Structure formats: structure tokens, C-alpha cells
Amino acid sequence: MKKVFALMLAAGVFAVVACGEGKKAEGSADSAQVDSAAAVVDSAAAKVDSAAAVVDSAAAKVDSLKK
């Protein structure tokens, strides 16, 4: 009986490995998600840059008042 189970296990493992993950359609959904994420990151970077400019100008005013 052990040999039968071992043979069935080996056949099952072979079937799973032979099927693979399956092919997707050229990554069209993945590339759309990446493009969307890149747009979000770009807009966030622009907000950070504008906030940094405000902080820099405020720091310059504080520095000028210290002198």
C-alpha cells in the first residue's frame, strides 16, 4: 500500500510541476498597475518638493532674523 501512495504522490507532484504557473497576457494588468503607482509616486514627490521649498524659505527667514 505504501508503494501505491508513493506512486500517486510522485504522479501528483509531476502533474503540478508540469502544469506550471500558467502564462498571463503579456503583463497588461501588471503594467497598468505599475503605471498607476508611478503616477501616484510622482504626484507625492511633487508635493514633497513644494513642501520642502516652503520649509527652506521659512528657515531662511528665521536665519535672517537671528543675525
Protein backbone atom coordinates (compact mmCIF):
# COMPACT_ATOMS: atom_id res chain seq x y z
CA MET A 1 0.00 0.00 0.00
CA LYS A 2 2.92 2.35 0.72
CA LYS A 3 4.16 1.87 -2.82
CA VAL A 4 0.76 2.84 -4.25
CA PHE A 5 0.66 6.04 -2.16
CA ALA A 6 4.25 6.86 -3.11
CA LEU A 7 3.43 6.35 -6.78
CA MET A 8 0.32 8.53 -6.51
CA LEU A 9 2.30 11.22 -4.69
CA ALA A 10 5.01 11.15 -7.36
CA ALA A 11 2.38 11.39 -10.12
CA GLY A 12 0.67 14.28 -8.30
CA VAL A 13 3.92 16.19 -7.87
CA PHE A 14 4.78 15.61 -11.52
CA ALA A 15 1.36 16.88 -12.62
CA VAL A 16 1.64 20.04 -10.52
CA VAL A 17 5.15 20.80 -11.75
CA ALA A 18 4.25 20.06 -15.37
CA CYS A 19 1.31 22.49 -15.31
CA GLY A 20 3.48 25.38 -14.17
CA GLU A 21 2.04 28.73 -13.18
CA GLY A 22 0.27 29.36 -16.46
CA LYS A 23 1.02 32.24 -18.80
CA LYS A 24 -0.54 35.64 -18.32
CA ALA A 25 -1.43 38.04 -21.11
CA GLU A 26 1.86 39.88 -21.61
CA GLY A 27 1.56 41.60 -18.24
CA SER A 28 -1.02 44.13 -19.40
CA ALA A 29 -2.73 44.35 -16.00
CA ASP A 30 0.58 44.46 -14.17
CA SER A 31 1.96 47.27 -16.32
CA ALA A 32 -1.23 49.29 -15.81
CA GLN A 33 -0.86 48.94 -12.04
CA VAL A 34 2.80 49.93 -12.23
CA ASP A 35 1.96 52.99 -14.32
CA SER A 36 -0.75 53.99 -11.85
CA ALA A 37 1.62 53.56 -8.91
CA ALA A 38 4.29 55.60 -10.69
CA ALA A 39 1.82 58.45 -11.22
CA VAL A 40 0.94 58.42 -7.52
CA VAL A 41 4.61 58.47 -6.55
CA ASP A 42 5.32 61.33 -8.95
CA SER A 43 2.49 63.44 -7.54
CA ALA A 44 3.62 62.70 -3.99
CA ALA A 45 7.17 63.70 -4.89
CA ALA A 46 5.91 66.99 -6.30
CA LYS A 47 4.04 67.69 -3.05
CA VAL A 48 7.13 66.89 -1.02
CA ASP A 49 9.24 69.19 -3.18
CA SER A 50 6.81 72.07 -2.76
CA ALA A 51 6.67 71.49 1.00
CA ALA A 52 10.46 71.43 1.14
CA ALA A 53 10.57 74.78 -0.67
CA VAL A 54 8.21 76.28 1.91
CA VAL A 55 10.34 74.94 4.76
CA ASP A 56 13.52 76.24 3.15
CA SER A 57 12.07 79.72 2.74
CA ALA A 58 10.85 79.71 6.36
CA ALA A 59 14.28 78.59 7.53
CA ALA A 60 15.89 81.40 5.55
CA LYS A 61 13.60 83.94 7.25
CA VAL A 62 14.47 82.54 10.67
CA ASP A 63 18.16 82.64 9.87
CA SER A 64 17.90 86.24 8.69
CA LEU A 65 16.13 87.23 11.94
CA LYS A 66 18.87 85.59 14.05
CA LYS A 67 21.55 87.84 12.58
